[in-house]
Amino acid sequence: MEIEVLKTRVQAVATKRESLLRLLEQPNLGTLRIDVNQALEELDDLIDEFKRTFPEEVL
């Protein structure tokens, strides 16, 4: 896979992080809060791994 394609895809996923944060602020999430937290953790891990793998690329 080309680095530019990968970068574009990671950027697209990273833009969803704000949506997850807003969702996490909702008081009526119940047990869904666990899934949202897990999604945030995995998204952060993905972004960190991308940055470690391609340190010269900027997201």
PDB file of N, CA and C in Angstrom:
ATOM      1  N   MET A   1       0.851  -1.176   0.000  1.00  0.00           N
ATOM      2  CA  MET A   1       0.000   0.000   0.000  1.00  0.00           C
ATOM      3  C   MET A   1       0.899   1.242   0.000  1.00  0.00           C
ATOM      4  N   GLU A   2       0.545   2.189  -0.799  1.00  0.00           N
ATOM      5  CA  GLU A   2       1.294   3.444  -0.881  1.00  0.00           C
ATOM      6  C   GLU A   2       1.183   4.214   0.431  1.00  0.00           C
ATOM      7  N   ILE A   3       2.254   4.892   0.808  1.00  0.00           N
ATOM      8  CA  ILE A   3       2.267   5.648   2.062  1.00  0.00           C
ATOM      9  C   ILE A   3       1.214   6.756   2.057  1.00  0.00           C
ATOM     10  N   GLU A   4       1.003   7.383   0.921  1.00  0.00           N
ATOM     11  CA  GLU A   4       0.011   8.466   0.861  1.00  0.00           C
ATOM     12  C   GLU A   4      -1.406   7.942   1.070  1.00  0.00           C
ATOM     13  N   VAL A   5      -1.694   6.764   0.546  1.00  0.00           N
ATOM     14  CA  VAL A   5      -3.014   6.156   0.743  1.00  0.00           C
ATOM     15  C   VAL A   5      -3.197   5.810   2.212  1.00  0.00           C
ATOM     16  N   LEU A   6      -2.179   5.221   2.802  1.00  0.00           N
ATOM     17  CA  LEU A   6      -2.234   4.866   4.214  1.00  0.00           C
ATOM     18  C   LEU A   6      -2.395   6.112   5.079  1.00  0.00           C
ATOM     19  N   LYS A   7      -1.628   7.136   4.758  1.00  0.00           N
ATOM     20  CA  LYS A   7      -1.717   8.393   5.508  1.00  0.00           C
ATOM     21  C   LYS A   7      -3.127   8.980   5.411  1.00  0.00           C
ATOM     22  N   THR A   8      -3.710   8.978   4.237  1.00  0.00           N
ATOM     23  CA  THR A   8      -5.058   9.502   4.037  1.00  0.00           C
ATOM     24  C   THR A   8      -6.074   8.719   4.850  1.00  0.00           C
ATOM     25  N   ARG A   9      -5.922   7.411   4.872  1.00  0.00           N
ATOM     26  CA  ARG A   9      -6.863   6.568   5.628  1.00  0.00           C
ATOM     27  C   ARG A   9      -6.724   6.786   7.130  1.00  0.00           C
ATOM     28  N   VAL A  10      -5.501   6.893   7.610  1.00  0.00           N
ATOM     29  CA  VAL A  10      -5.290   7.133   9.044  1.00  0.00           C
ATOM     30  C   VAL A  10      -5.831   8.510   9.423  1.00  0.00           C
ATOM     31  N   GLN A  11      -5.634   9.490   8.568  1.00  0.00           N
ATOM     32  CA  GLN A  11      -6.177  10.823   8.831  1.00  0.00           C
ATOM     33  C   GLN A  11      -7.697  10.792   8.895  1.00  0.00           C
ATOM     34  N   ALA A  12      -8.315  10.053   8.010  1.00  0.00           N
ATOM     35  CA  ALA A  12      -9.782   9.962   7.998  1.00  0.00           C
ATOM     36  C   ALA A  12     -10.293   9.350   9.295  1.00  0.00           C
ATOM     37  N   VAL A  13      -9.617   8.330   9.774  1.00  0.00           N
ATOM     38  CA  VAL A  13     -10.023   7.704  11.029  1.00  0.00           C
ATOM     39  C   VAL A  13      -9.744   8.644  12.203  1.00  0.00           C
ATOM     40  N   ALA A  14      -8.619   9.335  12.164  1.00  0.00           N
ATOM     41  CA  ALA A  14      -8.243  10.239  13.259  1.00  0.00           C
ATOM     42  C   ALA A  14      -9.243  11.380  13.427  1.00  0.00           C
ATOM     43  N   THR A  15      -9.875  11.800  12.342  1.00  0.00           N
ATOM     44  CA  THR A  15     -10.847  12.887  12.448  1.00  0.00           C
ATOM     45  C   THR A  15     -12.090  12.446  13.225  1.00  0.00           C
ATOM     46  N   LYS A  16     -12.310  11.161  13.336  1.00  0.00           N
ATOM     47  CA  LYS A  16     -13.465  10.638  14.085  1.00  0.00           C
ATOM     48  C   LYS A  16     -13.248  10.699  15.591  1.00  0.00           C
ATOM     49  N   ARG A  17     -12.014  10.963  16.018  1.00  0.00           N
ATOM     50  CA  ARG A  17     -11.697  10.990  17.450  1.00  0.00           C
ATOM     51  C   ARG A  17     -12.537  12.027  18.189  1.00  0.00           C
ATOM     52  N   GLU A  18     -12.708  13.192  17.599  1.00  0.00           N
ATOM     53  CA  GLU A  18     -13.509  14.244  18.227  1.00  0.00           C
ATOM     54  C   GLU A  18     -14.946  13.787  18.435  1.00  0.00           C
ATOM     55  N   SER A  19     -15.478  13.048  17.496  1.00  0.00           N
ATOM     56  CA  SER A  19     -16.839  12.526  17.628  1.00  0.00           C
ATOM     57  C   SER A  19     -16.937  11.572  18.809  1.00  0.00           C
ATOM     58  N   LEU A  20     -15.929  10.747  18.970  1.00  0.00           N
ATOM     59  CA  LEU A  20     -15.922   9.830  20.103  1.00  0.00           C
ATOM     60  C   LEU A  20     -15.823  10.581  21.425  1.00  0.00           C
ATOM     61  N   LEU A  21     -15.026  11.635  21.449  1.00  0.00           N
ATOM     62  CA  LEU A  21     -14.919  12.435  22.676  1.00  0.00           C
ATOM     63  C   LEU A  21     -16.250  13.097  23.021  1.00  0.00           C
ATOM     64  N   ARG A  22     -16.944  13.614  22.012  1.00  0.00           N
ATOM     65  CA  ARG A  22     -18.257  14.226  22.258  1.00  0.00           C
ATOM     66  C   ARG A  22     -19.258  13.188  22.744  1.00  0.00           C
ATOM     67  N   LEU A  23     -19.187  12.012  22.162  1.00  0.00           N
ATOM     68  CA  LEU A  23     -20.072  10.933  22.577  1.00  0.00           C
ATOM     69  C   LEU A  23     -19.809  10.542  24.028  1.00  0.00           C
ATOM     70  N   LEU A  24     -18.547  10.530  24.396  1.00  0.00           N
ATOM     71  CA  LEU A  24     -18.167  10.166  25.759  1.00  0.00           C
ATOM     72  C   LEU A  24     -18.721  11.136  26.792  1.00  0.00           C
ATOM     73  N   GLU A  25     -18.979  12.370  26.386  1.00  0.00           N
ATOM     74  CA  GLU A  25     -19.521  13.381  27.301  1.00  0.00           C
ATOM     75  C   GLU A  25     -21.010  13.196  27.586  1.00  0.00           C
ATOM     76  N   GLN A  26     -21.668  12.341  26.826  1.00  0.00           N
ATOM     77  CA  GLN A  26     -23.099  12.116  27.017  1.00  0.00           C
ATOM     78  C   GLN A  26     -23.336  11.377  28.334  1.00  0.00           C
ATOM     79  N   PRO A  27     -24.239  11.881  29.157  1.00  0.00           N
ATOM     80  CA  PRO A  27     -24.454  11.257  30.470  1.00  0.00           C
ATOM     81  C   PRO A  27     -25.229   9.936  30.420  1.00  0.00           C
ATOM     82  N   ASN A  28     -25.913   9.653  29.329  1.00  0.00           N
ATOM     83  CA  ASN A  28     -26.784   8.487  29.276  1.00  0.00           C
ATOM     84  C   ASN A  28     -26.202   7.320  28.472  1.00  0.00           C
ATOM     85  N   LEU A  29     -24.894   7.189  28.439  1.00  0.00           N
ATOM     86  CA  LEU A  29     -24.253   6.130  27.653  1.00  0.00           C
ATOM     87  C   LEU A  29     -24.382   4.754  28.300  1.00  0.00           C
ATOM     88  N   GLY A  30     -24.404   4.708  29.589  1.00  0.00           N
ATOM     89  CA  GLY A  30     -24.468   3.416  30.270  1.00  0.00           C
ATOM     90  C   GLY A  30     -23.227   2.592  29.985  1.00  0.00           C
ATOM     91  N   THR A  31     -23.445   1.313  29.683  1.00  0.00           N
ATOM     92  CA  THR A  31     -22.305   0.416  29.446  1.00  0.00           C
ATOM     93  C   THR A  31     -21.634   0.670  28.095  1.00  0.00           C
ATOM     94  N   LEU A  32     -22.267   1.449  27.232  1.00  0.00           N
ATOM     95  CA  LEU A  32     -21.645   1.804  25.951  1.00  0.00           C
ATOM     96  C   LEU A  32     -20.388   2.650  26.177  1.00  0.00           C
ATOM     97  N   ARG A  33     -20.310   3.290  27.326  1.00  0.00           N
ATOM     98  CA  ARG A  33     -19.134   4.102  27.680  1.00  0.00           C
ATOM     99  C   ARG A  33     -17.857   3.255  27.607  1.00  0.00           C
ATOM    100  N   ILE A  34     -17.944   2.006  27.999  1.00  0.00           N
ATOM    101  CA  ILE A  34     -16.781   1.101  27.954  1.00  0.00           C
ATOM    102  C   ILE A  34     -16.307   0.933  26.516  1.00  0.00           C
ATOM    103  N   ASP A  35     -17.243   0.749  25.597  1.00  0.00           N
ATOM    104  CA  ASP A  35     -16.888   0.568  24.186  1.00  0.00           C
ATOM    105  C   ASP A  35     -16.294   1.842  23.590  1.00  0.00           C
ATOM    106  N   VAL A  36     -16.834   2.982  23.963  1.00  0.00           N
ATOM    107  CA  VAL A  36     -16.320   4.257  23.452  1.00  0.00           C
ATOM    108  C   VAL A  36     -14.906   4.479  23.972  1.00  0.00           C
ATOM    109  N   ASN A  37     -14.684   4.196  25.240  1.00  0.00           N
ATOM    110  CA  ASN A  37     -13.329   4.316  25.795  1.00  0.00           C
ATOM    111  C   ASN A  37     -12.363   3.393  25.075  1.00  0.00           C
ATOM    112  N   GLN A  38     -12.788   2.169  24.814  1.00  0.00           N
ATOM    113  CA  GLN A  38     -11.943   1.206  24.107  1.00  0.00           C
ATOM    114  C   GLN A  38     -11.619   1.694  22.694  1.00  0.00           C
ATOM    115  N   ALA A  39     -12.612   2.245  22.020  1.00  0.00           N
ATOM    116  CA  ALA A  39     -12.393   2.771  20.669  1.00  0.00           C
ATOM    117  C   ALA A  39     -11.387   3.916  20.690  1.00  0.00           C
ATOM    118  N   LEU A  40     -11.485   4.787  21.690  1.00  0.00           N
ATOM    119  CA  LEU A  40     -10.534   5.902  21.813  1.00  0.00           C
ATOM    120  C   LEU A  40      -9.118   5.383  22.051  1.00  0.00           C
ATOM    121  N   GLU A  41      -8.985   4.406  22.920  1.00  0.00           N
ATOM    122  CA  GLU A  41      -7.668   3.841  23.204  1.00  0.00           C
ATOM    123  C   GLU A  41      -7.058   3.219  21.951  1.00  0.00           C
ATOM    124  N   GLU A  42      -7.854   2.465  21.223  1.00  0.00           N
ATOM    125  CA  GLU A  42      -7.351   1.810  20.017  1.00  0.00           C
ATOM    126  C   GLU A  42      -7.020   2.823  18.926  1.00  0.00           C
ATOM    127  N   LEU A  43      -7.815   3.864  18.825  1.00  0.00           N
ATOM    128  CA  LEU A  43      -7.539   4.915  17.850  1.00  0.00           C
ATOM    129  C   LEU A  43      -6.234   5.630  18.191  1.00  0.00           C
ATOM    130  N   ASP A  44      -6.047   5.938  19.465  1.00  0.00           N
ATOM    131  CA  ASP A  44      -4.803   6.585  19.889  1.00  0.00           C
ATOM    132  C   ASP A  44      -3.602   5.676  19.630  1.00  0.00           C
ATOM    133  N   ASP A  45      -3.775   4.371  19.879  1.00  0.00           N
ATOM    134  CA  ASP A  45      -2.691   3.421  19.603  1.00  0.00           C
ATOM    135  C   ASP A  45      -2.360   3.388  18.111  1.00  0.00           C
ATOM    136  N   LEU A  46      -3.383   3.395  17.277  1.00  0.00           N
ATOM    137  CA  LEU A  46      -3.175   3.388  15.827  1.00  0.00           C
ATOM    138  C   LEU A  46      -2.396   4.625  15.379  1.00  0.00           C
ATOM    139  N   ILE A  47      -2.793   5.777  15.875  1.00  0.00           N
ATOM    140  CA  ILE A  47      -2.123   7.025  15.506  1.00  0.00           C
ATOM    141  C   ILE A  47      -0.673   7.018  15.991  1.00  0.00           C
ATOM    142  N   ASP A  48      -0.459   6.575  17.237  1.00  0.00           N
ATOM    143  CA  ASP A  48       0.905   6.512  17.771  1.00  0.00           C
ATOM    144  C   ASP A  48       1.780   5.553  16.971  1.00  0.00           C
ATOM    145  N   GLU A  49       1.222   4.416  16.613  1.00  0.00           N
ATOM    146  CA  GLU A  49       1.985   3.435  15.838  1.00  0.00           C
ATOM    147  C   GLU A  49       2.327   3.987  14.451  1.00  0.00           C
ATOM    148  N   PHE A  50       1.388   4.682  13.832  1.00  0.00           N
ATOM    149  CA  PHE A  50       1.653   5.291  12.531  1.00  0.00           C
ATOM    150  C   PHE A  50       2.797   6.295  12.650  1.00  0.00           C
ATOM    151  N   LYS A  51       2.751   7.122  13.691  1.00  0.00           N
ATOM    152  CA  LYS A  51       3.798   8.140  13.882  1.00  0.00           C
ATOM    153  C   LYS A  51       5.154   7.511  14.169  1.00  0.00           C
ATOM    154  N   ARG A  52       5.174   6.393  14.887  1.00  0.00           N
ATOM    155  CA  ARG A  52       6.444   5.708  15.151  1.00  0.00           C
ATOM    156  C   ARG A  52       6.991   5.050  13.889  1.00  0.00           C
ATOM    157  N   THR A  53       6.088   4.518  13.081  1.00  0.00           N
ATOM    158  CA  THR A  53       6.499   3.820  11.864  1.00  0.00           C
ATOM    159  C   THR A  53       6.960   4.799  10.785  1.00  0.00           C
ATOM    160  N   PHE A  54       6.239   5.931  10.687  1.00  0.00           N
ATOM    161  CA  PHE A  54       6.550   6.937   9.675  1.00  0.00           C
ATOM    162  C   PHE A  54       6.739   8.283  10.359  1.00  0.00           C
ATOM    163  N   PRO A  55       7.866   8.446  11.070  1.00  0.00           N
ATOM    164  CA  PRO A  55       8.074   9.686  11.848  1.00  0.00           C
ATOM    165  C   PRO A  55       8.149  10.943  10.975  1.00  0.00           C
ATOM    166  N   GLU A  56       8.497  10.790   9.714  1.00  0.00           N
ATOM    167  CA  GLU A  56       8.614  11.973   8.852  1.00  0.00           C
ATOM    168  C   GLU A  56       7.244  12.433   8.352  1.00  0.00           C
ATOM    169  N   GLU A  57       6.221  11.598   8.463  1.00  0.00           N
ATOM    170  CA  GLU A  57       4.880  11.961   7.982  1.00  0.00           C
ATOM    171  C   GLU A  57       4.132  12.723   9.068  1.00  0.00           C
ATOM    172  N   VAL A  58       3.389  13.722   8.653  1.00  0.00           N
ATOM    173  CA  VAL A  58       2.588  14.525   9.567  1.00  0.00           C
ATOM    174  C   VAL A  58       1.122  14.227   9.335  1.00  0.00           C
ATOM    175  N   LEU A  59       0.395  13.973  10.420  1.00  0.00           N
ATOM    176  CA  LEU A  59      -1.049  13.741  10.304  1.00  0.00           C
ATOM    177  C   LEU A  59      -1.800  15.024  10.468  1.00  0.00           C
TER     178      LEU A  59
END
